[in-house]
Amino acid sequence: MTYEEHLDEVTTLITEKYDVADQAAIKMVMRAQADDFFSGHDDNPAICTLDRAHLDARAVYRKYR
């Protein structure tokens, strides 16, 4: 998946797994992106996988909730 698709998937997983409203999940992902949490993903699209999206969703939720 592309970098943008990965961010969308992480956002969706946060809403589904942690019962977070869409806008709140978007804000979490945007904050993580601003903190360069996803900088490696943009440089190496090969790590933009569904398995990685699950790991990223958990990490972003824990850090930015």
C-alpha atoms as a PDB file:
ATOM      1  CA  MET A   1       0.000   0.000   0.000  1.00  0.00           C
ATOM      2  CA  THR A   2       1.070   3.577  -0.491  1.00  0.00           C
ATOM      3  CA  TYR A   3       2.147   5.866   2.327  1.00  0.00           C
ATOM      4  CA  GLU A   4      -1.211   7.673   2.216  1.00  0.00           C
ATOM      5  CA  GLU A   5      -3.128   4.391   2.243  1.00  0.00           C
ATOM      6  CA  HIS A   6      -1.073   3.297   5.239  1.00  0.00           C
ATOM      7  CA  LEU A   7      -2.000   6.446   7.157  1.00  0.00           C
ATOM      8  CA  ASP A   8      -5.661   5.885   6.285  1.00  0.00           C
ATOM      9  CA  GLU A   9      -5.443   2.277   7.464  1.00  0.00           C
ATOM     10  CA  VAL A  10      -3.792   3.280  10.747  1.00  0.00           C
ATOM     11  CA  THR A  11      -6.554   5.842  11.310  1.00  0.00           C
ATOM     12  CA  THR A  12      -9.260   3.273  10.553  1.00  0.00           C
ATOM     13  CA  LEU A  13      -7.690   0.715  12.860  1.00  0.00           C
ATOM     14  CA  ILE A  14      -7.552   3.222  15.714  1.00  0.00           C
ATOM     15  CA  THR A  15     -11.268   3.941  15.314  1.00  0.00           C
ATOM     16  CA  GLU A  16     -12.163   0.247  15.134  1.00  0.00           C
ATOM     17  CA  LYS A  17      -9.852  -1.204  17.779  1.00  0.00           C
ATOM     18  CA  TYR A  18     -10.039   1.539  20.380  1.00  0.00           C
ATOM     19  CA  ASP A  19     -13.549   2.928  19.816  1.00  0.00           C
ATOM     20  CA  VAL A  20     -12.211   6.390  19.002  1.00  0.00           C
ATOM     21  CA  ALA A  21     -14.172   8.924  16.953  1.00  0.00           C
ATOM     22  CA  ASP A  22     -12.930   9.524  13.414  1.00  0.00           C
ATOM     23  CA  GLN A  23     -11.824  13.102  14.079  1.00  0.00           C
ATOM     24  CA  ALA A  24      -9.908  12.105  17.203  1.00  0.00           C
ATOM     25  CA  ALA A  25      -8.126   9.291  15.340  1.00  0.00           C
ATOM     26  CA  ILE A  26      -7.252  11.667  12.502  1.00  0.00           C
ATOM     27  CA  LYS A  27      -5.784  14.131  14.999  1.00  0.00           C
ATOM     28  CA  MET A  28      -3.683  11.368  16.592  1.00  0.00           C
ATOM     29  CA  VAL A  29      -2.279  10.305  13.234  1.00  0.00           C
ATOM     30  CA  MET A  30      -1.621  13.913  12.234  1.00  0.00           C
ATOM     31  CA  ARG A  31       0.245  14.541  15.498  1.00  0.00           C
ATOM     32  CA  ALA A  32       2.289  11.386  14.981  1.00  0.00           C
ATOM     33  CA  GLN A  33       3.051  12.462  11.437  1.00  0.00           C
ATOM     34  CA  ALA A  34       4.138  15.919  12.645  1.00  0.00           C
ATOM     35  CA  ASP A  35       6.468  14.191  15.133  1.00  0.00           C
ATOM     36  CA  ASP A  36       8.013  12.207  12.244  1.00  0.00           C
ATOM     37  CA  PHE A  37       6.610   8.920  13.566  1.00  0.00           C
ATOM     38  CA  PHE A  38       5.992   7.815   9.978  1.00  0.00           C
ATOM     39  CA  SER A  39       9.133   9.266   8.367  1.00  0.00           C
ATOM     40  CA  GLY A  40      10.605   5.828   7.684  1.00  0.00           C
ATOM     41  CA  HIS A  41       7.393   4.754   5.991  1.00  0.00           C
ATOM     42  CA  ASP A  42       7.610   7.562   3.477  1.00  0.00           C
ATOM     43  CA  ASP A  43      11.240   6.689   2.727  1.00  0.00           C
ATOM     44  CA  ASN A  44      10.572   2.940   2.432  1.00  0.00           C
ATOM     45  CA  PRO A  45       7.060   2.105   1.184  1.00  0.00           C
ATOM     46  CA  ALA A  46       7.833  -1.612   1.597  1.00  0.00           C
ATOM     47  CA  ILE A  47       7.089  -1.260   5.315  1.00  0.00           C
ATOM     48  CA  CYS A  48       3.579   0.040   4.587  1.00  0.00           C
ATOM     49  CA  THR A  49       1.850  -3.284   5.180  1.00  0.00           C
ATOM     50  CA  LEU A  50      -1.329  -4.289   6.959  1.00  0.00           C
ATOM     51  CA  ASP A  51       0.668  -5.983   9.711  1.00  0.00           C
ATOM     52  CA  ARG A  52       2.699  -2.809  10.229  1.00  0.00           C
ATOM     53  CA  ALA A  53      -0.498  -0.729  10.229  1.00  0.00           C
ATOM     54  CA  HIS A  54      -1.759  -2.760  13.199  1.00  0.00           C
ATOM     55  CA  LEU A  55       1.494  -2.158  15.084  1.00  0.00           C
ATOM     56  CA  ASP A  56       1.490   1.532  14.204  1.00  0.00           C
ATOM     57  CA  ALA A  57      -2.144   1.953  15.244  1.00  0.00           C
ATOM     58  CA  ARG A  58      -1.364   0.544  18.693  1.00  0.00           C
ATOM     59  CA  ALA A  59       1.750   2.703  19.070  1.00  0.00           C
ATOM     60  CA  VAL A  60       0.049   5.884  17.898  1.00  0.00           C
ATOM     61  CA  TYR A  61      -2.957   5.299  20.143  1.00  0.00           C
ATOM     62  CA  ARG A  62      -0.781   4.670  23.189  1.00  0.00           C
ATOM     63  CA  LYS A  63       1.393   7.712  22.615  1.00  0.00           C
ATOM     64  CA  TYR A  64      -1.090  10.297  21.318  1.00  0.00           C
ATOM     65  CA  ARG A  65      -4.419   9.580  23.018  1.00  0.00           C
END
